[in-house]
Structures are given as C-alpha cells and as structure tokens.
PDB file of N, CA and C in Angstrom:
ATOM      1  N   MET A   1     -63.287 -57.294  33.390  1.00  0.00           N
ATOM      2  CA  MET A   1     -62.497 -56.788  34.498  1.00  0.00           C
ATOM      3  C   MET A   1     -62.905 -57.528  35.756  1.00  0.00           C
ATOM      4  N   ASP A   2     -61.939 -57.812  36.594  1.00  0.00           N
ATOM      5  CA  ASP A   2     -62.256 -58.488  37.839  1.00  0.00           C
ATOM      6  C   ASP A   2     -62.681 -57.486  38.910  1.00  0.00           C
ATOM      7  N   GLY A   3     -63.167 -58.001  40.035  1.00  0.00           N
ATOM      8  CA  GLY A   3     -63.685 -57.152  41.098  1.00  0.00           C
ATOM      9  C   GLY A   3     -62.643 -56.215  41.686  1.00  0.00           C
ATOM     10  N   GLY A   4     -61.374 -56.653  41.762  1.00  0.00           N
ATOM     11  CA  GLY A   4     -60.322 -55.813  42.320  1.00  0.00           C
ATOM     12  C   GLY A   4     -60.024 -54.603  41.457  1.00  0.00           C
ATOM     13  N   ALA A   5     -60.043 -54.804  40.151  1.00  0.00           N
ATOM     14  CA  ALA A   5     -59.775 -53.695  39.237  1.00  0.00           C
ATOM     15  C   ALA A   5     -60.909 -52.674  39.273  1.00  0.00           C
ATOM     16  N   VAL A   6     -62.131 -53.169  39.376  1.00  0.00           N
ATOM     17  CA  VAL A   6     -63.281 -52.263  39.446  1.00  0.00           C
ATOM     18  C   VAL A   6     -63.237 -51.461  40.743  1.00  0.00           C
ATOM     19  N   ALA A   7     -62.899 -52.122  41.848  1.00  0.00           N
ATOM     20  CA  ALA A   7     -62.808 -51.424  43.137  1.00  0.00           C
ATOM     21  C   ALA A   7     -61.716 -50.368  43.097  1.00  0.00           C
ATOM     22  N   LEU A   8     -60.590 -50.686  42.471  1.00  0.00           N
ATOM     23  CA  LEU A   8     -59.494 -49.731  42.363  1.00  0.00           C
ATOM     24  C   LEU A   8     -59.906 -48.526  41.522  1.00  0.00           C
ATOM     25  N   MET A   9     -60.583 -48.770  40.398  1.00  0.00           N
ATOM     26  CA  MET A   9     -61.032 -47.661  39.550  1.00  0.00           C
ATOM     27  C   MET A   9     -62.055 -46.793  40.282  1.00  0.00           C
ATOM     28  N   THR A  10     -62.921 -47.416  41.069  1.00  0.00           N
ATOM     29  CA  THR A  10     -63.915 -46.657  41.824  1.00  0.00           C
ATOM     30  C   THR A  10     -63.239 -45.760  42.847  1.00  0.00           C
ATOM     31  N   ARG A  11     -62.257 -46.308  43.566  1.00  0.00           N
ATOM     32  CA  ARG A  11     -61.538 -45.500  44.552  1.00  0.00           C
ATOM     33  C   ARG A  11     -60.775 -44.369  43.888  1.00  0.00           C
ATOM     34  N   LEU A  12     -60.153 -44.635  42.743  1.00  0.00           N
ATOM     35  CA  LEU A  12     -59.411 -43.587  42.043  1.00  0.00           C
ATOM     36  C   LEU A  12     -60.349 -42.505  41.527  1.00  0.00           C
ATOM     37  N   SER A  13     -61.514 -42.894  41.017  1.00  0.00           N
ATOM     38  CA  SER A  13     -62.440 -41.886  40.509  1.00  0.00           C
ATOM     39  C   SER A  13     -62.960 -41.017  41.644  1.00  0.00           C
ATOM     40  N   PHE A  14     -63.219 -41.597  42.823  1.00  0.00           N
ATOM     41  CA  PHE A  14     -63.636 -40.789  43.963  1.00  0.00           C
ATOM     42  C   PHE A  14     -62.524 -39.853  44.403  1.00  0.00           C
ATOM     43  N   SER A  15     -61.275 -40.282  44.298  1.00  0.00           N
ATOM     44  CA  SER A  15     -60.152 -39.421  44.659  1.00  0.00           C
ATOM     45  C   SER A  15     -60.066 -38.229  43.720  1.00  0.00           C
ATOM     46  N   PHE A  16     -60.258 -38.465  42.435  1.00  0.00           N
ATOM     47  CA  PHE A  16     -60.196 -37.367  41.477  1.00  0.00           C
ATOM     48  C   PHE A  16     -61.372 -36.413  41.655  1.00  0.00           C
ATOM     49  N   VAL A  17     -62.541 -36.942  41.966  1.00  0.00           N
ATOM     50  CA  VAL A  17     -63.710 -36.096  42.185  1.00  0.00           C
ATOM     51  C   VAL A  17     -63.504 -35.231  43.418  1.00  0.00           C
ATOM     52  N   SER A  18     -62.892 -35.789  44.454  1.00  0.00           N
ATOM     53  CA  SER A  18     -62.678 -35.018  45.677  1.00  0.00           C
ATOM     54  C   SER A  18     -61.668 -33.892  45.469  1.00  0.00           C
ATOM     55  N   LEU A  19     -60.829 -34.000  44.458  1.00  0.00           N
ATOM     56  CA  LEU A  19     -59.880 -32.927  44.152  1.00  0.00           C
ATOM     57  C   LEU A  19     -60.499 -31.839  43.275  1.00  0.00           C
ATOM     58  N   GLY A  20     -61.685 -32.073  42.774  1.00  0.00           N
ATOM     59  CA  GLY A  20     -62.320 -31.127  41.852  1.00  0.00           C
ATOM     60  C   GLY A  20     -62.583 -29.764  42.462  1.00  0.00           C
ATOM     61  N   ALA A  21     -63.134 -29.724  43.670  1.00  0.00           N
ATOM     62  CA  ALA A  21     -63.471 -28.439  44.294  1.00  0.00           C
ATOM     63  C   ALA A  21     -62.232 -27.603  44.614  1.00  0.00           C
ATOM     64  N   PRO A  22     -61.195 -28.187  45.247  1.00  0.00           N
ATOM     65  CA  PRO A  22     -59.993 -27.366  45.487  1.00  0.00           C
ATOM     66  C   PRO A  22     -59.321 -26.900  44.197  1.00  0.00           C
ATOM     67  N   LEU A  23     -59.322 -27.748  43.178  1.00  0.00           N
ATOM     68  CA  LEU A  23     -58.725 -27.340  41.904  1.00  0.00           C
ATOM     69  C   LEU A  23     -59.529 -26.233  41.242  1.00  0.00           C
ATOM     70  N   LEU A  24     -60.846 -26.260  41.391  1.00  0.00           N
ATOM     71  CA  LEU A  24     -61.692 -25.198  40.858  1.00  0.00           C
ATOM     72  C   LEU A  24     -61.396 -23.877  41.560  1.00  0.00           C
ATOM     73  N   LEU A  25     -61.186 -23.938  42.861  1.00  0.00           N
ATOM     74  CA  LEU A  25     -60.842 -22.739  43.616  1.00  0.00           C
ATOM     75  C   LEU A  25     -59.473 -22.202  43.205  1.00  0.00           C
ATOM     76  N   ILE A  26     -58.515 -23.087  42.996  1.00  0.00           N
ATOM     77  CA  ILE A  26     -57.181 -22.667  42.535  1.00  0.00           C
ATOM     78  C   ILE A  26     -57.272 -22.045  41.150  1.00  0.00           C
ATOM     79  N   LEU A  27     -58.079 -22.643  40.282  1.00  0.00           N
ATOM     80  CA  LEU A  27     -58.272 -22.088  38.944  1.00  0.00           C
ATOM     81  C   LEU A  27     -58.857 -20.685  39.006  1.00  0.00           C
ATOM     82  N   ALA A  28     -59.809 -20.480  39.909  1.00  0.00           N
ATOM     83  CA  ALA A  28     -60.408 -19.151  40.066  1.00  0.00           C
ATOM     84  C   ALA A  28     -59.378 -18.142  40.551  1.00  0.00           C
ATOM     85  N   LEU A  29     -58.537 -18.552  41.489  1.00  0.00           N
ATOM     86  CA  LEU A  29     -57.498 -17.640  41.987  1.00  0.00           C
ATOM     87  C   LEU A  29     -56.492 -17.280  40.898  1.00  0.00           C
ATOM     88  N   VAL A  30     -56.122 -18.245  40.075  1.00  0.00           N
ATOM     89  CA  VAL A  30     -55.203 -17.978  38.967  1.00  0.00           C
ATOM     90  C   VAL A  30     -55.863 -17.038  37.959  1.00  0.00           C
ATOM     91  N   ALA A  31     -57.144 -17.255  37.696  1.00  0.00           N
ATOM     92  CA  ALA A  31     -57.860 -16.387  36.753  1.00  0.00           C
ATOM     93  C   ALA A  31     -57.940 -14.960  37.273  1.00  0.00           C
ATOM     94  N   VAL A  32     -58.140 -14.793  38.586  1.00  0.00           N
ATOM     95  CA  VAL A  32     -58.177 -13.454  39.170  1.00  0.00           C
ATOM     96  C   VAL A  32     -56.827 -12.766  39.017  1.00  0.00           C
ATOM     97  N   GLN A  33     -55.761 -13.522  39.194  1.00  0.00           N
ATOM     98  CA  GLN A  33     -54.415 -12.957  39.081  1.00  0.00           C
ATOM     99  C   GLN A  33     -54.104 -12.510  37.651  1.00  0.00           C
ATOM    100  N   GLN A  34     -54.612 -13.241  36.677  1.00  0.00           N
ATOM    101  CA  GLN A  34     -54.257 -12.947  35.294  1.00  0.00           C
ATOM    102  C   GLN A  34     -55.176 -11.922  34.633  1.00  0.00           C
ATOM    103  N   ARG A  35     -56.308 -11.640  35.219  1.00  0.00           N
ATOM    104  CA  ARG A  35     -57.240 -10.672  34.621  1.00  0.00           C
ATOM    105  C   ARG A  35     -57.083  -9.313  35.298  1.00  0.00           C
ATOM    106  N   GLN A  36     -57.568  -8.317  34.629  1.00  0.00           N
ATOM    107  CA  GLN A  36     -57.450  -6.966  35.173  1.00  0.00           C
ATOM    108  C   GLN A  36     -58.799  -6.273  35.152  1.00  0.00           C
ATOM    109  N   GLY A  37     -59.005  -5.420  36.123  1.00  0.00           N
ATOM    110  CA  GLY A  37     -60.207  -4.590  36.151  1.00  0.00           C
ATOM    111  C   GLY A  37     -61.473  -5.388  36.339  1.00  0.00           C
ATOM    112  N   ARG A  38     -62.470  -5.027  35.543  1.00  0.00           N
ATOM    113  CA  ARG A  38     -63.789  -5.654  35.679  1.00  0.00           C
ATOM    114  C   ARG A  38     -63.804  -7.107  35.212  1.00  0.00           C
ATOM    115  N   ASP A  39     -62.811  -7.524  34.447  1.00  0.00           N
ATOM    116  CA  ASP A  39     -62.766  -8.911  33.979  1.00  0.00           C
ATOM    117  C   ASP A  39     -62.530  -9.902  35.119  1.00  0.00           C
ATOM    118  N   ARG A  40     -62.064  -9.428  36.263  1.00  0.00           N
ATOM    119  CA  ARG A  40     -61.827 -10.317  37.403  1.00  0.00           C
ATOM    120  C   ARG A  40     -63.124 -10.916  37.934  1.00  0.00           C
ATOM    121  N   ILE A  41     -64.226 -10.236  37.697  1.00  0.00           N
ATOM    122  CA  ILE A  41     -65.517 -10.729  38.192  1.00  0.00           C
ATOM    123  C   ILE A  41     -65.872 -12.067  37.532  1.00  0.00           C
ATOM    124  N   GLN A  42     -65.343 -12.322  36.345  1.00  0.00           N
ATOM    125  CA  GLN A  42     -65.647 -13.570  35.652  1.00  0.00           C
ATOM    126  C   GLN A  42     -65.131 -14.791  36.400  1.00  0.00           C
ATOM    127  N   ALA A  43     -64.161 -14.624  37.283  1.00  0.00           N
ATOM    128  CA  ALA A  43     -63.639 -15.744  38.058  1.00  0.00           C
ATOM    129  C   ALA A  43     -64.459 -15.996  39.318  1.00  0.00           C
ATOM    130  N   LEU A  44     -65.354 -15.095  39.656  1.00  0.00           N
ATOM    131  CA  LEU A  44     -66.141 -15.218  40.879  1.00  0.00           C
ATOM    132  C   LEU A  44     -67.032 -16.458  40.916  1.00  0.00           C
ATOM    133  N   PRO A  45     -67.760 -16.815  39.863  1.00  0.00           N
ATOM    134  CA  PRO A  45     -68.597 -18.018  39.936  1.00  0.00           C
ATOM    135  C   PRO A  45     -67.806 -19.292  40.236  1.00  0.00           C
ATOM    136  N   ALA A  46     -66.645 -19.441  39.637  1.00  0.00           N
ATOM    137  CA  ALA A  46     -65.828 -20.631  39.899  1.00  0.00           C
ATOM    138  C   ALA A  46     -65.382 -20.657  41.355  1.00  0.00           C
ATOM    139  N   ALA A  47     -65.007 -19.510  41.897  1.00  0.00           N
ATOM    140  CA  ALA A  47     -64.585 -19.441  43.290  1.00  0.00           C
ATOM    141  C   ALA A  47     -65.751 -19.768  44.223  1.00  0.00           C
ATOM    142  N   LEU A  48     -66.930 -19.248  43.912  1.00  0.00           N
ATOM    143  CA  LEU A  48     -68.097 -19.510  44.758  1.00  0.00           C
ATOM    144  C   LEU A  48     -68.518 -20.978  44.707  1.00  0.00           C
ATOM    145  N   VAL A  49     -68.493 -21.563  43.524  1.00  0.00           N
ATOM    146  CA  VAL A  49     -68.865 -22.973  43.397  1.00  0.00           C
ATOM    147  C   VAL A  49     -67.852 -23.863  44.117  1.00  0.00           C
ATOM    148  N   GLY A  50     -66.574 -23.602  43.928  1.00  0.00           N
ATOM    149  CA  GLY A  50     -65.545 -24.381  44.608  1.00  0.00           C
ATOM    150  C   GLY A  50     -65.649 -24.273  46.115  1.00  0.00           C
ATOM    151  N   THR A  51     -65.854 -23.069  46.613  1.00  0.00           N
ATOM    152  CA  THR A  51     -65.999 -22.871  48.049  1.00  0.00           C
ATOM    153  C   THR A  51     -67.259 -23.554  48.567  1.00  0.00           C
ATOM    154  N   GLY A  52     -68.349 -23.426  47.836  1.00  0.00           N
ATOM    155  CA  GLY A  52     -69.597 -24.077  48.242  1.00  0.00           C
ATOM    156  C   GLY A  52     -69.477 -25.584  48.294  1.00  0.00           C
ATOM    157  N   LEU A  53     -68.802 -26.168  47.315  1.00  0.00           N
ATOM    158  CA  LEU A  53     -68.611 -27.619  47.317  1.00  0.00           C
ATOM    159  C   LEU A  53     -67.752 -28.074  48.484  1.00  0.00           C
ATOM    160  N   MET A  54     -66.722 -27.299  48.806  1.00  0.00           N
ATOM    161  CA  MET A  54     -65.857 -27.666  49.929  1.00  0.00           C
ATOM    162  C   MET A  54     -66.610 -27.560  51.253  1.00  0.00           C
ATOM    163  N   ILE A  55     -67.417 -26.522  51.419  1.00  0.00           N
ATOM    164  CA  ILE A  55     -68.199 -26.367  52.644  1.00  0.00           C
ATOM    165  C   ILE A  55     -69.236 -27.475  52.752  1.00  0.00           C
ATOM    166  N   SER A  56     -69.902 -27.773  51.651  1.00  0.00           N
ATOM    167  CA  SER A  56     -70.899 -28.831  51.647  1.00  0.00           C
ATOM    168  C   SER A  56     -70.275 -30.181  52.005  1.00  0.00           C
ATOM    169  N   SER A  57     -69.116 -30.443  51.485  1.00  0.00           N
ATOM    170  CA  SER A  57     -68.418 -31.682  51.781  1.00  0.00           C
ATOM    171  C   SER A  57     -68.042 -31.764  53.261  1.00  0.00           C
ATOM    172  N   ALA A  58     -67.554 -30.657  53.808  1.00  0.00           N
ATOM    173  CA  ALA A  58     -67.169 -30.640  55.224  1.00  0.00           C
ATOM    174  C   ALA A  58     -68.378 -30.856  56.128  1.00  0.00           C
ATOM    175  N   VAL A  59     -69.497 -30.225  55.798  1.00  0.00           N
ATOM    176  CA  VAL A  59     -70.713 -30.393  56.599  1.00  0.00           C
ATOM    177  C   VAL A  59     -71.211 -31.837  56.503  1.00  0.00           C
ATOM    178  N   GLY A  60     -71.188 -32.400  55.318  1.00  0.00           N
ATOM    179  CA  GLY A  60     -71.616 -33.786  55.138  1.00  0.00           C
ATOM    180  C   GLY A  60     -70.743 -34.759  55.897  1.00  0.00           C
ATOM    181  N   ARG A  61     -69.440 -34.529  55.877  1.00  0.00           N
ATOM    182  CA  ARG A  61     -68.509 -35.374  56.628  1.00  0.00           C
ATOM    183  C   ARG A  61     -68.789 -35.295  58.123  1.00  0.00           C
ATOM    184  N   ARG A  62     -69.035 -34.076  58.593  1.00  0.00           N
ATOM    185  CA  ARG A  62     -69.297 -33.881  60.027  1.00  0.00           C
ATOM    186  C   ARG A  62     -70.586 -34.596  60.445  1.00  0.00           C
ATOM    187  N   ARG A  63     -71.634 -34.493  59.626  1.00  0.00           N
ATOM    188  CA  ARG A  63     -72.886 -35.182  59.934  1.00  0.00           C
ATOM    189  C   ARG A  63     -72.707 -36.691  59.929  1.00  0.00           C
ATOM    190  N   HIS A  64     -71.976 -37.184  58.950  1.00  0.00           N
ATOM    191  CA  HIS A  64     -71.742 -38.624  58.852  1.00  0.00           C
ATOM    192  C   HIS A  64     -70.989 -39.130  60.076  1.00  0.00           C
ATOM    193  N   ARG A  65     -69.966 -38.406  60.497  1.00  0.00           N
ATOM    194  CA  ARG A  65     -69.207 -38.807  61.683  1.00  0.00           C
ATOM    195  C   ARG A  65     -70.058 -38.750  62.936  1.00  0.00           C
ATOM    196  N   ALA A  66     -70.938 -37.759  63.038  1.00  0.00           N
ATOM    197  CA  ALA A  66     -71.827 -37.659  64.193  1.00  0.00           C
ATOM    198  C   ALA A  66     -72.785 -38.848  64.236  1.00  0.00           C
ATOM    199  N   ARG A  67     -73.294 -39.272  63.067  1.00  0.00           N
ATOM    200  CA  ARG A  67     -74.179 -40.434  63.020  1.00  0.00           C
ATOM    201  C   ARG A  67     -73.444 -41.704  63.442  1.00  0.00           C
ATOM    202  N   ILE A  68     -72.209 -41.846  62.981  1.00  0.00           N
ATOM    203  CA  ILE A  68     -71.420 -43.026  63.358  1.00  0.00           C
ATOM    204  C   ILE A  68     -71.167 -43.029  64.860  1.00  0.00           C
ATOM    205  N   LEU A  69     -70.800 -41.891  65.418  1.00  0.00           N
ATOM    206  CA  LEU A  69     -70.548 -41.796  66.851  1.00  0.00           C
ATOM    207  C   LEU A  69     -71.818 -42.111  67.637  1.00  0.00           C
ATOM    208  N   SER A  70     -72.944 -41.604  67.191  1.00  0.00           N
ATOM    209  CA  SER A  70     -74.213 -41.877  67.856  1.00  0.00           C
ATOM    210  C   SER A  70     -74.539 -43.365  67.817  1.00  0.00           C
ATOM    211  N   ALA A  71     -74.315 -43.994  66.667  1.00  0.00           N
ATOM    212  CA  ALA A  71     -74.568 -45.429  66.547  1.00  0.00           C
ATOM    213  C   ALA A  71     -73.643 -46.224  67.461  1.00  0.00           C
ATOM    214  N   LEU A  72     -72.398 -45.829  67.575  1.00  0.00           N
ATOM    215  CA  LEU A  72     -71.462 -46.515  68.465  1.00  0.00           C
ATOM    216  C   LEU A  72     -71.883 -46.366  69.921  1.00  0.00           C
ATOM    217  N   ARG A  73     -72.291 -45.159  70.292  1.00  0.00           N
ATOM    218  CA  ARG A  73     -72.712 -44.937  71.674  1.00  0.00           C
ATOM    219  C   ARG A  73     -73.970 -45.734  72.001  1.00  0.00           C
ATOM    220  N   SER A  74     -74.920 -45.764  71.066  1.00  0.00           N
ATOM    221  CA  SER A  74     -76.165 -46.502  71.330  1.00  0.00           C
ATOM    222  C   SER A  74     -75.915 -48.004  71.360  1.00  0.00           C
ATOM    223  N   SER A  75     -74.971 -48.491  70.568  1.00  0.00           N
ATOM    224  CA  SER A  75     -74.682 -49.934  70.592  1.00  0.00           C
ATOM    225  C   SER A  75     -73.963 -50.320  71.884  1.00  0.00           C
ATOM    226  N   ARG A  76     -73.200 -49.433  72.467  1.00  0.00           N
ATOM    227  CA  ARG A  76     -72.528 -49.716  73.742  1.00  0.00           C
ATOM    228  C   ARG A  76     -73.533 -49.778  74.874  1.00  0.00           C
ATOM    229  N   HIS A  77     -74.521 -48.884  74.839  1.00  0.00           N
ATOM    230  CA  HIS A  77     -75.511 -48.862  75.907  1.00  0.00           C
ATOM    231  C   HIS A  77     -76.484 -50.026  75.814  1.00  0.00           C
ATOM    232  N   SER A  78     -76.752 -50.507  74.618  1.00  0.00           N
ATOM    233  CA  SER A  78     -77.719 -51.588  74.457  1.00  0.00           C
ATOM    234  C   SER A  78     -77.101 -52.964  74.672  1.00  0.00           C
ATOM    235  N   SER A  79     -75.783 -53.111  74.519  1.00  0.00           N
ATOM    236  CA  SER A  79     -75.154 -54.415  74.720  1.00  0.00           C
ATOM    237  C   SER A  79     -74.826 -54.615  76.207  1.00  0.00           C
ATOM    238  N   PRO A  80     -74.972 -55.879  76.722  1.00  0.00           N
ATOM    239  CA  PRO A  80     -74.739 -56.124  78.156  1.00  0.00           C
ATOM    240  C   PRO A  80     -73.307 -56.031  78.560  1.00  0.00           C
TER     241      PRO A  80
END
C-alpha cells in the first residue's frame, strides 16, 4: 500500500472511533426504551461509558486548544 492509502485508512479509522461514544449512548437509549422495569438498569453501564468518553474527549480537546493558543501567544511575544 502506498502512503496515501495508509493515510486515508488512518483518517477513516479515527473517524469511526470518534463515532463510537455517541453510538454507544444511542444504543443505551434504545435499550432503555425496549426494556421494562428493573431490566432497564442493564443499559446504564453503556450510557455511563458513552457519556464518560464524550466528556473526556471534550476536556482533552479543550486542553489541546488551550496549549496551541498558549504556544501561539508565546511565539508572538518572542518574535521581533
């Protein structure tokens, strides 16, 4: 495989991985709708994991953007 095909597969795999948490949350919501009574609790772990992954991703994105902004600001101040 050439470098372009590998890069494309890498980008596609990251896209599918990024859809994993929202799809897990949707799956949990569907499971809650289809179950009755105490069986609904079985969908709780999937909902918690999906929500946790989405929150973790958002926090990581925010930190990464803050680091980039800090680096840009420091490079502006250090250059003449």
